[in-house]
Amino acid sequence: MIGGLPHTKDPATETHKQNNRLFKSTLKSTAYERMSNTKLTYVTDEMLASKGVWGPSRSSYPITDTDIRRWAMATHYPKHPPRIYWDTEYASTTKYQSIIAPPDFNPFAWSLERPAALAPGLAGRRPDGKSLTGMNGGQTDTYGVPMRPGDVISARSRLIGWEEREGRLGHTLYVRTEIEWRNQNDELVKTRISISVRY
């Protein structure tokens, strides 16, 4: 009471307070909607631009029968490697008509120059610009024609896709790349699909 009279609320003041509360509530709701609609992503502009685009090609030294024999001996040790990998006379009687390399033979193992590292932007990036932690998510190889002595293998790679999802490591980016090997006759030797896990 004021001066013995009951206090009455000013309708205009109350309306202003209600409008103010409604305005603040609307601001909070709008901000929440913006946060909800902004999906967290580690995908970069570089990835979007490079998807499906083959990178530069590099070539191996010519494969020799000695390269193949040594590789077979090392990978089959202590067992004797199959004759198709080292016995020229025997190999000439097979459907291949010459020795061939084991499927896992790597003609780039003795290269003086190593392939360039993947550009940072193609490996994903946090919104704050910090680098992601990465690990190998596995790979699948598909083989074409076998490698033989005298072959020169060319290799190229490309980014073929990605997927993002939440997991025990938090928000995680799965990047798929493809590596392709061809011989001097443009015959497909091998393709490898690799998955890189980034979080």
C-alpha atoms as a PDB file:
ATOM      1  CA  MET A   1       0.000   0.000   0.000  1.00  0.00           C
ATOM      2  CA  ILE A   2       1.122   3.546  -0.734  1.00  0.00           C
ATOM      3  CA  GLY A   3      -0.266   6.280   1.582  1.00  0.00           C
ATOM      4  CA  GLY A   4      -2.862   3.840   2.873  1.00  0.00           C
ATOM      5  CA  LEU A   5      -4.045   3.057  -0.662  1.00  0.00           C
ATOM      6  CA  PRO A   6      -3.573  -0.284  -2.377  1.00  0.00           C
ATOM      7  CA  HIS A   7      -0.764  -0.328  -4.989  1.00  0.00           C
ATOM      8  CA  THR A   8      -1.923  -0.975  -8.538  1.00  0.00           C
ATOM      9  CA  LYS A   9       0.359  -2.090 -11.387  1.00  0.00           C
ATOM     10  CA  ASP A  10       0.743   0.164 -14.387  1.00  0.00           C
ATOM     11  CA  PRO A  11      -0.702  -1.743 -17.384  1.00  0.00           C
ATOM     12  CA  ALA A  12       1.691  -0.002 -19.784  1.00  0.00           C
ATOM     13  CA  THR A  13       4.725  -0.980 -17.690  1.00  0.00           C
ATOM     14  CA  GLU A  14       3.558  -4.591 -17.405  1.00  0.00           C
ATOM     15  CA  THR A  15       3.008  -4.819 -21.156  1.00  0.00           C
ATOM     16  CA  HIS A  16       6.523  -3.492 -21.761  1.00  0.00           C
ATOM     17  CA  LYS A  17       8.030  -6.088 -19.379  1.00  0.00           C
ATOM     18  CA  GLN A  18       6.117  -8.913 -21.069  1.00  0.00           C
ATOM     19  CA  ASN A  19       7.259  -7.782 -24.504  1.00  0.00           C
ATOM     20  CA  ASN A  20      10.840  -7.571 -23.269  1.00  0.00           C
ATOM     21  CA  ARG A  21      10.707 -11.114 -21.851  1.00  0.00           C
ATOM     22  CA  LEU A  22       9.194 -12.372 -25.131  1.00  0.00           C
ATOM     23  CA  PHE A  23      11.937 -10.635 -27.129  1.00  0.00           C
ATOM     24  CA  LYS A  24      14.722 -12.205 -25.035  1.00  0.00           C
ATOM     25  CA  SER A  25      13.061 -15.608 -25.305  1.00  0.00           C
ATOM     26  CA  THR A  26      12.882 -15.258 -29.077  1.00  0.00           C
ATOM     27  CA  LEU A  27      16.584 -14.361 -29.258  1.00  0.00           C
ATOM     28  CA  LYS A  28      17.532 -17.456 -27.238  1.00  0.00           C
ATOM     29  CA  SER A  29      15.321 -19.658 -29.393  1.00  0.00           C
ATOM     30  CA  THR A  30      16.810 -18.266 -32.603  1.00  0.00           C
ATOM     31  CA  ALA A  31      20.362 -18.759 -31.344  1.00  0.00           C
ATOM     32  CA  TYR A  32      19.564 -22.338 -30.354  1.00  0.00           C
ATOM     33  CA  GLU A  33      18.074 -23.030 -33.773  1.00  0.00           C
ATOM     34  CA  ARG A  34      21.208 -21.671 -35.449  1.00  0.00           C
ATOM     35  CA  MET A  35      23.421 -23.918 -33.346  1.00  0.00           C
ATOM     36  CA  SER A  36      21.203 -26.903 -34.069  1.00  0.00           C
ATOM     37  CA  ASN A  37      21.171 -26.238 -37.805  1.00  0.00           C
ATOM     38  CA  THR A  38      24.965 -25.781 -38.023  1.00  0.00           C
ATOM     39  CA  LYS A  39      26.221 -29.337 -38.452  1.00  0.00           C
ATOM     40  CA  LEU A  40      29.741 -30.047 -37.231  1.00  0.00           C
ATOM     41  CA  THR A  41      31.953 -31.100 -40.124  1.00  0.00           C
ATOM     42  CA  TYR A  42      35.654 -31.764 -40.660  1.00  0.00           C
ATOM     43  CA  VAL A  43      35.284 -31.691 -44.453  1.00  0.00           C
ATOM     44  CA  THR A  44      37.324 -28.908 -46.060  1.00  0.00           C
ATOM     45  CA  ASP A  45      36.869 -26.899 -49.231  1.00  0.00           C
ATOM     46  CA  GLU A  46      39.981 -28.612 -50.580  1.00  0.00           C
ATOM     47  CA  MET A  47      38.313 -31.999 -50.150  1.00  0.00           C
ATOM     48  CA  LEU A  48      35.170 -30.859 -51.935  1.00  0.00           C
ATOM     49  CA  ALA A  49      37.215 -29.515 -54.847  1.00  0.00           C
ATOM     50  CA  SER A  50      39.443 -32.607 -55.099  1.00  0.00           C
ATOM     51  CA  LYS A  51      36.825 -35.331 -54.861  1.00  0.00           C
ATOM     52  CA  GLY A  52      37.192 -37.733 -57.783  1.00  0.00           C
ATOM     53  CA  VAL A  53      40.148 -35.849 -59.288  1.00  0.00           C
ATOM     54  CA  TRP A  54      43.261 -37.916 -60.045  1.00  0.00           C
ATOM     55  CA  GLY A  55      46.528 -36.573 -58.711  1.00  0.00           C
ATOM     56  CA  PRO A  56      49.850 -36.564 -60.604  1.00  0.00           C
ATOM     57  CA  SER A  57      51.258 -39.896 -61.771  1.00  0.00           C
ATOM     58  CA  ARG A  58      54.663 -41.310 -60.843  1.00  0.00           C
ATOM     59  CA  SER A  59      56.521 -44.203 -62.450  1.00  0.00           C
ATOM     60  CA  SER A  60      58.678 -47.023 -61.123  1.00  0.00           C
ATOM     61  CA  TYR A  61      62.031 -48.201 -62.394  1.00  0.00           C
ATOM     62  CA  PRO A  62      61.755 -51.122 -64.844  1.00  0.00           C
ATOM     63  CA  ILE A  63      61.098 -54.325 -62.908  1.00  0.00           C
ATOM     64  CA  THR A  64      63.860 -56.943 -63.113  1.00  0.00           C
ATOM     65  CA  ASP A  65      63.743 -60.689 -62.545  1.00  0.00           C
ATOM     66  CA  THR A  66      66.194 -60.138 -59.681  1.00  0.00           C
ATOM     67  CA  ASP A  67      63.761 -57.722 -58.006  1.00  0.00           C
ATOM     68  CA  ILE A  68      61.018 -60.335 -58.216  1.00  0.00           C
ATOM     69  CA  ARG A  69      63.206 -63.201 -57.008  1.00  0.00           C
ATOM     70  CA  ARG A  70      64.500 -61.276 -53.995  1.00  0.00           C
ATOM     71  CA  TRP A  71      61.012 -60.121 -53.052  1.00  0.00           C
ATOM     72  CA  ALA A  72      59.672 -63.690 -53.272  1.00  0.00           C
ATOM     73  CA  MET A  73      62.554 -65.059 -51.204  1.00  0.00           C
ATOM     74  CA  ALA A  74      62.006 -62.432 -48.494  1.00  0.00           C
ATOM     75  CA  THR A  75      58.234 -62.797 -48.278  1.00  0.00           C
ATOM     76  CA  HIS A  76      58.239 -66.621 -48.296  1.00  0.00           C
ATOM     77  CA  TYR A  77      61.199 -67.095 -45.939  1.00  0.00           C
ATOM     78  CA  PRO A  78      61.991 -69.598 -44.481  1.00  0.00           C
ATOM     79  CA  LYS A  79      60.018 -71.563 -47.088  1.00  0.00           C
ATOM     80  CA  HIS A  80      61.104 -71.873 -50.694  1.00  0.00           C
ATOM     81  CA  PRO A  81      59.188 -69.431 -52.936  1.00  0.00           C
ATOM     82  CA  PRO A  82      56.995 -70.825 -55.759  1.00  0.00           C
ATOM     83  CA  ARG A  83      58.922 -71.473 -58.974  1.00  0.00           C
ATOM     84  CA  ILE A  84      56.745 -69.092 -60.969  1.00  0.00           C
ATOM     85  CA  TYR A  85      58.550 -66.257 -59.199  1.00  0.00           C
ATOM     86  CA  TRP A  86      62.150 -67.260 -60.022  1.00  0.00           C
ATOM     87  CA  ASP A  87      62.474 -70.241 -62.386  1.00  0.00           C
ATOM     88  CA  THR A  88      62.467 -68.832 -65.944  1.00  0.00           C
ATOM     89  CA  GLU A  89      62.484 -72.263 -67.619  1.00  0.00           C
ATOM     90  CA  TYR A  90      59.569 -73.527 -65.569  1.00  0.00           C
ATOM     91  CA  ALA A  91      57.614 -70.267 -65.917  1.00  0.00           C
ATOM     92  CA  SER A  92      57.872 -70.487 -69.738  1.00  0.00           C
ATOM     93  CA  THR A  93      55.721 -73.652 -69.620  1.00  0.00           C
ATOM     94  CA  THR A  94      52.882 -71.958 -67.698  1.00  0.00           C
ATOM     95  CA  LYS A  95      50.041 -69.830 -69.005  1.00  0.00           C
ATOM     96  CA  TYR A  96      52.079 -66.747 -68.085  1.00  0.00           C
ATOM     97  CA  GLN A  97      55.028 -67.845 -70.299  1.00  0.00           C
ATOM     98  CA  SER A  98      57.452 -65.962 -68.055  1.00  0.00           C
ATOM     99  CA  ILE A  99      58.112 -65.415 -64.387  1.00  0.00           C
ATOM    100  CA  ILE A 100      55.701 -63.035 -62.685  1.00  0.00           C
ATOM    101  CA  ALA A 101      55.829 -60.971 -59.513  1.00  0.00           C
ATOM    102  CA  PRO A 102      53.935 -61.910 -56.349  1.00  0.00           C
ATOM    103  CA  PRO A 103      50.681 -59.942 -55.991  1.00  0.00           C
ATOM    104  CA  ASP A 104      52.098 -57.939 -53.069  1.00  0.00           C
ATOM    105  CA  PHE A 105      55.264 -56.972 -54.965  1.00  0.00           C
ATOM    106  CA  ASN A 106      55.971 -53.253 -54.678  1.00  0.00           C
ATOM    107  CA  PRO A 107      57.888 -51.810 -57.674  1.00  0.00           C
ATOM    108  CA  PHE A 108      58.253 -48.499 -55.814  1.00  0.00           C
ATOM    109  CA  ALA A 109      60.116 -50.037 -52.865  1.00  0.00           C
ATOM    110  CA  TRP A 110      63.502 -48.903 -54.233  1.00  0.00           C
ATOM    111  CA  SER A 111      62.489 -45.464 -55.483  1.00  0.00           C
ATOM    112  CA  LEU A 112      64.822 -42.638 -54.506  1.00  0.00           C
ATOM    113  CA  GLU A 113      61.906 -40.211 -54.225  1.00  0.00           C
ATOM    114  CA  ARG A 114      58.989 -40.909 -51.951  1.00  0.00           C
ATOM    115  CA  PRO A 115      55.461 -39.796 -52.839  1.00  0.00           C
ATOM    116  CA  ALA A 116      54.480 -36.403 -51.494  1.00  0.00           C
ATOM    117  CA  ALA A 117      52.538 -36.409 -48.259  1.00  0.00           C
ATOM    118  CA  LEU A 118      48.821 -35.801 -48.450  1.00  0.00           C
ATOM    119  CA  ALA A 119      48.046 -32.077 -48.414  1.00  0.00           C
ATOM    120  CA  PRO A 120      46.726 -31.044 -44.958  1.00  0.00           C
ATOM    121  CA  GLY A 121      43.471 -29.768 -46.411  1.00  0.00           C
ATOM    122  CA  LEU A 122      42.701 -33.184 -47.928  1.00  0.00           C
ATOM    123  CA  ALA A 123      42.925 -34.911 -44.548  1.00  0.00           C
ATOM    124  CA  GLY A 124      40.141 -32.925 -42.927  1.00  0.00           C
ATOM    125  CA  ARG A 125      40.346 -30.104 -40.421  1.00  0.00           C
ATOM    126  CA  ARG A 126      38.637 -28.960 -37.247  1.00  0.00           C
ATOM    127  CA  PRO A 127      36.486 -25.817 -37.447  1.00  0.00           C
ATOM    128  CA  ASP A 128      39.069 -24.057 -35.245  1.00  0.00           C
ATOM    129  CA  GLY A 129      41.786 -24.856 -37.795  1.00  0.00           C
ATOM    130  CA  LYS A 130      43.613 -27.446 -35.690  1.00  0.00           C
ATOM    131  CA  SER A 131      44.836 -30.674 -37.268  1.00  0.00           C
ATOM    132  CA  LEU A 132      43.037 -33.946 -36.713  1.00  0.00           C
ATOM    133  CA  THR A 133      44.463 -37.112 -35.202  1.00  0.00           C
ATOM    134  CA  GLY A 134      44.597 -39.905 -37.768  1.00  0.00           C
ATOM    135  CA  MET A 135      44.915 -43.653 -37.967  1.00  0.00           C
ATOM    136  CA  ASN A 136      44.697 -46.370 -40.609  1.00  0.00           C
ATOM    137  CA  GLY A 137      41.181 -47.713 -41.106  1.00  0.00           C
ATOM    138  CA  GLY A 138      42.165 -50.593 -43.397  1.00  0.00           C
ATOM    139  CA  GLN A 139      42.519 -51.209 -47.116  1.00  0.00           C
ATOM    140  CA  THR A 140      41.243 -53.495 -49.864  1.00  0.00           C
ATOM    141  CA  ASP A 141      43.354 -54.523 -52.867  1.00  0.00           C
ATOM    142  CA  THR A 142      41.988 -55.717 -56.209  1.00  0.00           C
ATOM    143  CA  TYR A 143      44.447 -57.241 -58.689  1.00  0.00           C
ATOM    144  CA  GLY A 144      44.522 -57.100 -62.478  1.00  0.00           C
ATOM    145  CA  VAL A 145      47.296 -58.407 -64.739  1.00  0.00           C
ATOM    146  CA  PRO A 146      50.433 -59.679 -62.993  1.00  0.00           C
ATOM    147  CA  MET A 147      53.663 -57.683 -63.033  1.00  0.00           C
ATOM    148  CA  ARG A 148      56.539 -59.087 -65.084  1.00  0.00           C
ATOM    149  CA  PRO A 149      60.226 -58.338 -65.698  1.00  0.00           C
ATOM    150  CA  GLY A 150      60.524 -55.236 -67.872  1.00  0.00           C
ATOM    151  CA  ASP A 151      57.273 -53.670 -66.699  1.00  0.00           C
ATOM    152  CA  VAL A 152      57.231 -49.998 -65.740  1.00  0.00           C
ATOM    153  CA  ILE A 153      54.414 -49.280 -63.319  1.00  0.00           C
ATOM    154  CA  SER A 154      52.686 -45.912 -63.023  1.00  0.00           C
ATOM    155  CA  ALA A 155      50.710 -44.986 -59.926  1.00  0.00           C
ATOM    156  CA  ARG A 156      48.164 -42.283 -59.246  1.00  0.00           C
ATOM    157  CA  SER A 157      45.651 -41.606 -56.476  1.00  0.00           C
ATOM    158  CA  ARG A 158      42.456 -39.704 -55.805  1.00  0.00           C
ATOM    159  CA  LEU A 159      40.018 -38.880 -53.036  1.00  0.00           C
ATOM    160  CA  ILE A 160      36.810 -40.802 -53.708  1.00  0.00           C
ATOM    161  CA  GLY A 161      34.610 -39.983 -50.729  1.00  0.00           C
ATOM    162  CA  TRP A 162      34.098 -39.631 -47.007  1.00  0.00           C
ATOM    163  CA  GLU A 163      31.637 -40.153 -44.191  1.00  0.00           C
ATOM    164  CA  GLU A 164      31.210 -38.428 -40.839  1.00  0.00           C
ATOM    165  CA  ARG A 165      29.589 -39.882 -37.763  1.00  0.00           C
ATOM    166  CA  GLU A 166      29.720 -39.822 -33.996  1.00  0.00           C
ATOM    167  CA  GLY A 167      31.596 -42.597 -32.207  1.00  0.00           C
ATOM    168  CA  ARG A 168      33.557 -43.431 -29.094  1.00  0.00           C
ATOM    169  CA  LEU A 169      36.260 -41.028 -30.322  1.00  0.00           C
ATOM    170  CA  GLY A 170      33.721 -38.247 -30.749  1.00  0.00           C
ATOM    171  CA  HIS A 171      33.002 -36.723 -34.141  1.00  0.00           C
ATOM    172  CA  THR A 172      34.933 -38.834 -36.651  1.00  0.00           C
ATOM    173  CA  LEU A 173      35.734 -38.438 -40.350  1.00  0.00           C
ATOM    174  CA  TYR A 174      36.300 -41.537 -42.519  1.00  0.00           C
ATOM    175  CA  VAL A 175      38.157 -40.646 -45.728  1.00  0.00           C
ATOM    176  CA  ARG A 176      38.336 -43.093 -48.675  1.00  0.00           C
ATOM    177  CA  THR A 177      41.137 -42.841 -51.222  1.00  0.00           C
ATOM    178  CA  GLU A 178      41.913 -44.915 -54.303  1.00  0.00           C
ATOM    179  CA  ILE A 179      45.359 -45.809 -55.644  1.00  0.00           C
ATOM    180  CA  GLU A 180      45.667 -47.209 -59.157  1.00  0.00           C
ATOM    181  CA  TRP A 181      48.637 -49.015 -60.727  1.00  0.00           C
ATOM    182  CA  ARG A 182      48.977 -49.552 -64.490  1.00  0.00           C
ATOM    183  CA  ASN A 183      51.773 -50.976 -66.603  1.00  0.00           C
ATOM    184  CA  GLN A 184      53.379 -49.489 -69.713  1.00  0.00           C
ATOM    185  CA  ASN A 185      50.593 -51.007 -71.833  1.00  0.00           C
ATOM    186  CA  ASP A 186      47.966 -49.170 -69.769  1.00  0.00           C
ATOM    187  CA  GLU A 187      46.760 -52.472 -68.335  1.00  0.00           C
ATOM    188  CA  LEU A 188      45.349 -52.312 -64.821  1.00  0.00           C
ATOM    189  CA  VAL A 189      47.688 -53.987 -62.340  1.00  0.00           C
ATOM    190  CA  LYS A 190      46.127 -53.127 -58.994  1.00  0.00           C
ATOM    191  CA  THR A 191      43.695 -50.838 -57.248  1.00  0.00           C
ATOM    192  CA  ARG A 192      43.739 -50.132 -53.528  1.00  0.00           C
ATOM    193  CA  ILE A 193      40.891 -48.563 -51.581  1.00  0.00           C
ATOM    194  CA  SER A 194      42.156 -47.159 -48.278  1.00  0.00           C
ATOM    195  CA  ILE A 195      40.236 -45.729 -45.348  1.00  0.00           C
ATOM    196  CA  SER A 196      41.781 -43.070 -43.153  1.00  0.00           C
ATOM    197  CA  VAL A 197      40.153 -42.362 -39.786  1.00  0.00           C
ATOM    198  CA  ARG A 198      40.370 -38.757 -38.541  1.00  0.00           C
ATOM    199  CA  TYR A 199      39.084 -37.443 -35.206  1.00  0.00           C
END
